[in-house]
Amino acid sequence: MNLSEALAWATGRRTATLITLRRDGRAQSSDIAYAVMEGTINISLTDSRAKTVNMRRDNRVVLHISEPSAWSYVSIDATVDLSPVCTAPDDATADELVAVYKAVTGGDHSDWAEFRRAMVNEGRLVARVTPVSVTGQIN
């Protein structure tokens, strides 16, 4: 399987398991929502979470996307670039979080001003996951 096939398949899904590395090297997994956007996989997350701390220390991750009903999965080895934390409703990170929200949900939020304020209050940022290699099977 190649990365293009994996990303095309992943584009049709929205949830996955993100695997990061703890300080002691053990894996830490988190269920996340994501969107494939221009060759990267984008995830909205909060600054205070263990996965964010782990990615700041070691930017190597695995994104595991599965569809058990079809016995299909892709496991993407990747690196992560983290955006700055959203600090103002009109900053570049807030704009990026809006784009991720639209890509994940396929639509608009009912109140963008409220959404942008929440992104600041929650200390949100975007993880931009760049695929390096992939394993899996698509049926």
Protein backbone atom coordinates (compact mmCIF):
# COMPACT_ATOMS: atom_id res chain seq x y z
CA MET A 1 0.00 0.00 0.00
CA ASN A 2 1.27 3.48 -0.76
CA LEU A 3 0.64 6.79 0.99
CA SER A 4 -1.63 8.11 -1.76
CA GLU A 5 -3.96 5.12 -1.44
CA ALA A 6 -3.96 5.37 2.34
CA LEU A 7 -4.74 9.11 2.34
CA ALA A 8 -7.51 8.66 -0.23
CA TRP A 9 -9.08 5.99 1.99
CA ALA A 10 -8.55 8.05 5.15
CA THR A 11 -10.25 11.05 3.54
CA GLY A 12 -13.55 9.17 3.70
CA ARG A 13 -13.32 8.72 7.46
CA ARG A 14 -13.17 11.10 10.41
CA THR A 15 -12.05 9.20 13.52
CA ALA A 16 -8.81 7.46 14.37
CA THR A 17 -6.47 6.53 17.17
CA LEU A 18 -3.45 8.78 17.61
CA ILE A 19 -0.48 7.05 19.20
CA THR A 20 2.22 9.21 20.82
CA LEU A 21 5.25 8.31 22.90
CA ARG A 22 5.42 8.90 26.64
CA ARG A 23 8.65 10.07 28.23
CA ASP A 24 9.52 6.47 29.17
CA GLY A 25 8.93 5.25 25.58
CA ARG A 26 5.60 3.53 26.19
CA ALA A 27 2.77 4.23 23.76
CA GLN A 28 -0.13 6.50 24.73
CA SER A 29 -3.25 6.34 22.57
CA SER A 30 -6.08 8.82 22.11
CA ASP A 31 -9.23 8.65 20.03
CA ILE A 32 -9.38 11.76 17.84
CA ALA A 33 -11.32 13.35 14.98
CA TYR A 34 -9.27 14.43 11.98
CA ALA A 35 -9.41 15.86 8.48
CA VAL A 36 -7.10 15.17 5.56
CA MET A 37 -6.24 18.59 4.16
CA GLU A 38 -3.78 19.03 1.28
CA GLY A 39 -1.73 15.94 2.09
CA THR A 40 -1.58 16.41 5.85
CA ILE A 41 -3.88 15.09 8.53
CA ASN A 42 -5.11 17.86 10.80
CA ILE A 43 -6.32 17.44 14.37
CA SER A 44 -7.72 20.00 16.79
CA LEU A 45 -6.40 19.41 20.30
CA THR A 46 -5.87 21.16 23.60
CA ASP A 47 -2.51 22.30 24.88
CA SER A 48 -2.89 20.65 28.30
CA ARG A 49 -3.43 17.06 27.10
CA ALA A 50 -0.89 14.28 27.48
CA LYS A 51 -0.80 13.72 23.73
CA THR A 52 0.20 17.35 23.17
CA VAL A 53 2.94 17.16 25.81
CA ASN A 54 4.17 13.93 24.21
CA MET A 55 4.24 15.43 20.70
CA ARG A 56 6.12 18.51 21.88
CA ARG A 57 8.82 16.21 23.27
CA ASP A 58 8.87 13.68 20.39
CA ASN A 59 7.09 14.51 17.14
CA ARG A 60 6.92 10.90 15.91
CA VAL A 61 3.39 9.48 15.93
CA VAL A 62 1.25 6.73 14.47
CA LEU A 63 -2.27 7.43 13.27
CA HIS A 64 -4.32 4.23 13.15
CA ILE A 65 -7.55 4.39 11.16
CA SER A 66 -9.79 1.35 10.98
CA GLU A 67 -13.06 0.16 9.57
CA PRO A 68 -13.71 -3.12 11.40
CA SER A 69 -16.83 -3.96 9.39
CA ALA A 70 -14.69 -4.23 6.25
CA TRP A 71 -11.58 -5.66 7.92
CA SER A 72 -9.72 -2.60 6.69
CA TYR A 73 -7.17 -0.36 8.37
CA VAL A 74 -4.24 1.90 7.71
CA SER A 75 -1.52 2.62 10.22
CA ILE A 76 0.34 5.76 9.23
CA ASP A 77 3.80 6.51 10.62
CA ALA A 78 4.16 10.26 10.69
CA THR A 79 5.74 13.35 12.14
CA VAL A 80 3.80 16.22 13.69
CA ASP A 81 4.10 19.98 13.50
CA LEU A 82 2.10 21.83 16.17
CA SER A 83 0.60 25.24 15.55
CA PRO A 84 0.84 27.94 18.19
CA VAL A 85 -1.87 27.82 20.85
CA CYS A 86 -4.92 29.93 19.97
CA THR A 87 -4.67 33.14 22.03
CA ALA A 88 -7.13 35.45 20.27
CA PRO A 89 -10.38 34.83 18.39
CA ASP A 90 -8.92 36.41 15.26
CA ASP A 91 -5.41 34.89 15.26
CA ALA A 92 -4.03 32.57 12.59
CA THR A 93 -4.55 29.50 14.78
CA ALA A 94 -8.25 30.34 15.23
CA ASP A 95 -8.54 30.62 11.44
CA GLU A 96 -6.86 27.23 11.04
CA LEU A 97 -9.15 25.68 13.68
CA VAL A 98 -12.16 26.99 11.74
CA ALA A 99 -10.84 25.28 8.59
CA VAL A 100 -10.26 22.01 10.48
CA TYR A 101 -13.76 22.18 12.00
CA LYS A 102 -15.33 22.68 8.55
CA ALA A 103 -13.29 19.82 7.07
CA VAL A 104 -14.13 17.41 9.92
CA THR A 105 -17.84 18.22 10.12
CA GLY A 106 -18.48 19.09 6.48
CA GLY A 107 -20.33 22.24 7.49
CA ASP A 108 -20.49 25.47 9.39
CA HIS A 109 -20.71 26.10 13.11
CA SER A 110 -23.94 27.73 14.32
CA ASP A 111 -21.99 30.62 15.93
CA TRP A 112 -18.46 31.28 14.67
CA ALA A 113 -17.79 34.03 17.24
CA GLU A 114 -18.66 31.59 20.03
CA PHE A 115 -16.51 28.89 18.41
CA ARG A 116 -13.50 31.21 18.16
CA ARG A 117 -13.86 32.28 21.82
CA ALA A 118 -14.05 28.62 22.85
CA MET A 119 -10.82 27.87 20.95
CA VAL A 120 -9.05 30.52 23.04
CA ASN A 121 -10.67 29.44 26.32
CA GLU A 122 -9.81 25.77 25.71
CA GLY A 123 -6.22 26.51 24.69
CA ARG A 124 -6.63 24.75 21.36
CA LEU A 125 -4.09 24.27 18.62
CA VAL A 126 -3.73 22.22 15.45
CA ALA A 127 -1.55 19.14 15.03
CA ARG A 128 -0.47 18.84 11.40
CA VAL A 129 0.42 15.19 10.83
CA THR A 130 2.73 14.54 7.88
CA PRO A 131 2.67 10.90 6.73
CA VAL A 132 6.04 9.20 6.31
CA SER A 133 5.04 5.58 5.62
CA VAL A 134 2.00 3.34 5.89
CA THR A 135 1.01 -0.25 6.49
CA GLY A 136 -2.41 -1.83 6.40
CA GLN A 137 -5.03 -3.37 4.19
CA ILE A 138 -8.02 -1.90 2.47
CA ASN A 139 -10.82 -4.25 1.49
